[in-house]
Amino acid sequence: MELPFTNLEMAFILLAFVIFSFFTLASIYTDPDEKNEVLENKTKLQKENCVS
């Protein structure tokens, strides 16, 4: 029975799956609202420093 993919192709398929899974988990377990608040506070501080 022949395999449908070569070893190199299987390696790339597995690598793509692992990377996709990593980014999926990262998007689930990070809180974008918290990051946006930090960025907003930094920009407010920068604007205040420029004005004064």
N, C-alpha and C. Protein backbone atom coordinates (compact mmCIF):
# COMPACT_ATOMS: atom_id res chain seq x y z
N MET A 1 0.85 -1.19 0.00
CA MET A 1 0.00 0.00 0.00
C MET A 1 0.89 1.24 0.00
N GLU A 2 0.64 2.16 -0.92
CA GLU A 2 1.43 3.39 -1.00
C GLU A 2 0.83 4.47 -0.13
N LEU A 3 1.71 5.26 0.46
CA LEU A 3 1.25 6.41 1.22
C LEU A 3 0.93 7.55 0.27
N PRO A 4 -0.09 8.34 0.58
CA PRO A 4 -0.46 9.42 -0.34
C PRO A 4 0.51 10.61 -0.34
N PHE A 5 1.36 10.72 0.71
CA PHE A 5 2.29 11.84 0.81
C PHE A 5 3.70 11.32 1.08
N THR A 6 4.69 12.10 0.65
CA THR A 6 6.07 11.76 1.01
C THR A 6 6.32 12.22 2.44
N ASN A 7 7.45 11.82 3.01
CA ASN A 7 7.78 12.23 4.38
C ASN A 7 7.92 13.74 4.50
N LEU A 8 8.49 14.37 3.48
CA LEU A 8 8.66 15.82 3.52
C LEU A 8 7.31 16.53 3.50
N GLU A 9 6.40 16.05 2.69
CA GLU A 9 5.06 16.64 2.64
C GLU A 9 4.34 16.46 3.97
N MET A 10 4.48 15.30 4.56
CA MET A 10 3.86 15.07 5.87
C MET A 10 4.44 16.00 6.93
N ALA A 11 5.74 16.24 6.87
CA ALA A 11 6.38 17.15 7.82
C ALA A 11 5.80 18.55 7.69
N PHE A 12 5.62 19.02 6.46
CA PHE A 12 5.05 20.36 6.27
C PHE A 12 3.59 20.42 6.71
N ILE A 13 2.84 19.36 6.46
CA ILE A 13 1.44 19.33 6.89
C ILE A 13 1.36 19.38 8.42
N LEU A 14 2.18 18.59 9.09
CA LEU A 14 2.19 18.59 10.56
C LEU A 14 2.66 19.93 11.11
N LEU A 15 3.67 20.50 10.50
CA LEU A 15 4.17 21.81 10.94
C LEU A 15 3.08 22.87 10.80
N ALA A 16 2.37 22.87 9.68
CA ALA A 16 1.28 23.83 9.48
C ALA A 16 0.18 23.63 10.51
N PHE A 17 -0.14 22.38 10.81
CA PHE A 17 -1.16 22.10 11.82
C PHE A 17 -0.74 22.60 13.20
N VAL A 18 0.51 22.37 13.57
CA VAL A 18 1.00 22.81 14.88
C VAL A 18 0.99 24.33 14.97
N ILE A 19 1.43 25.01 13.93
CA ILE A 19 1.44 26.48 13.94
C ILE A 19 0.00 27.02 14.01
N PHE A 20 -0.89 26.45 13.20
CA PHE A 20 -2.29 26.87 13.23
C PHE A 20 -2.89 26.65 14.62
N SER A 21 -2.61 25.53 15.24
CA SER A 21 -3.13 25.25 16.58
C SER A 21 -2.58 26.23 17.60
N PHE A 22 -1.29 26.55 17.47
CA PHE A 22 -0.66 27.50 18.40
C PHE A 22 -1.33 28.87 18.31
N PHE A 23 -1.54 29.37 17.11
CA PHE A 23 -2.17 30.68 16.96
C PHE A 23 -3.63 30.65 17.39
N THR A 24 -4.30 29.54 17.18
CA THR A 24 -5.69 29.42 17.64
C THR A 24 -5.75 29.47 19.16
N LEU A 25 -4.90 28.72 19.83
CA LEU A 25 -4.89 28.74 21.29
C LEU A 25 -4.47 30.11 21.81
N ALA A 26 -3.51 30.75 21.16
CA ALA A 26 -3.08 32.08 21.59
C ALA A 26 -4.22 33.08 21.48
N SER A 27 -5.02 32.98 20.42
CA SER A 27 -6.13 33.92 20.26
C SER A 27 -7.23 33.65 21.29
N ILE A 28 -7.36 32.41 21.71
CA ILE A 28 -8.38 32.09 22.70
C ILE A 28 -7.96 32.56 24.09
N TYR A 29 -6.70 32.36 24.45
CA TYR A 29 -6.26 32.61 25.82
C TYR A 29 -5.68 33.99 26.05
N THR A 30 -5.65 34.86 25.04
CA THR A 30 -5.24 36.25 25.27
C THR A 30 -6.48 37.12 25.31
N ASP A 31 -6.40 38.21 26.04
CA ASP A 31 -7.53 39.11 26.21
C ASP A 31 -7.25 40.40 25.44
N PRO A 32 -7.84 40.58 24.28
CA PRO A 32 -7.53 41.77 23.48
C PRO A 32 -7.98 43.07 24.13
N ASP A 33 -9.04 43.05 24.93
CA ASP A 33 -9.51 44.27 25.58
C ASP A 33 -8.46 44.80 26.54
N GLU A 34 -7.80 43.90 27.26
CA GLU A 34 -6.77 44.31 28.20
C GLU A 34 -5.60 44.96 27.46
N LYS A 35 -5.22 44.41 26.33
CA LYS A 35 -4.12 44.97 25.55
C LYS A 35 -4.50 46.33 25.00
N ASN A 36 -5.75 46.49 24.57
CA ASN A 36 -6.19 47.78 24.04
C ASN A 36 -6.18 48.85 25.13
N GLU A 37 -6.56 48.49 26.35
CA GLU A 37 -6.53 49.44 27.45
C GLU A 37 -5.11 49.91 27.72
N VAL A 38 -4.16 49.01 27.68
CA VAL A 38 -2.76 49.37 27.92
C VAL A 38 -2.29 50.31 26.82
N LEU A 39 -2.63 50.02 25.58
CA LEU A 39 -2.23 50.89 24.47
C LEU A 39 -2.89 52.26 24.58
N GLU A 40 -4.16 52.31 24.97
CA GLU A 40 -4.87 53.58 25.13
C GLU A 40 -4.23 54.41 26.23
N ASN A 41 -3.85 53.77 27.35
CA ASN A 41 -3.22 54.50 28.44
C ASN A 41 -1.87 55.05 28.01
N LYS A 42 -1.11 54.30 27.22
CA LYS A 42 0.19 54.77 26.75
C LYS A 42 0.02 55.98 25.84
N THR A 43 -0.96 55.92 24.95
CA THR A 43 -1.16 57.05 24.03
C THR A 43 -1.65 58.27 24.78
N LYS A 44 -2.49 58.08 25.81
CA LYS A 44 -2.93 59.22 26.62
C LYS A 44 -1.75 59.86 27.33
N LEU A 45 -0.87 59.03 27.89
CA LEU A 45 0.30 59.57 28.58
C LEU A 45 1.21 60.30 27.61
N GLN A 46 1.38 59.78 26.42
CA GLN A 46 2.22 60.43 25.43
C GLN A 46 1.61 61.76 25.01
N LYS A 47 0.30 61.82 24.83
CA LYS A 47 -0.36 63.07 24.45
C LYS A 47 -0.24 64.10 25.57
N GLU A 48 -0.42 63.66 26.81
CA GLU A 48 -0.29 64.57 27.95
C GLU A 48 1.13 65.11 28.06
N ASN A 49 2.11 64.26 27.81
CA ASN A 49 3.50 64.71 27.87
C ASN A 49 3.82 65.70 26.77
N CYS A 50 3.22 65.54 25.61
CA CYS A 50 3.47 66.45 24.49
C CYS A 50 2.81 67.80 24.72
N VAL A 51 1.63 67.80 25.37
CA VAL A 51 0.88 69.03 25.59
C VAL A 51 1.53 69.88 26.66
N SER A 52 1.97 69.25 27.73
CA SER A 52 2.52 70.02 28.86
C SER A 52 3.97 70.35 28.70
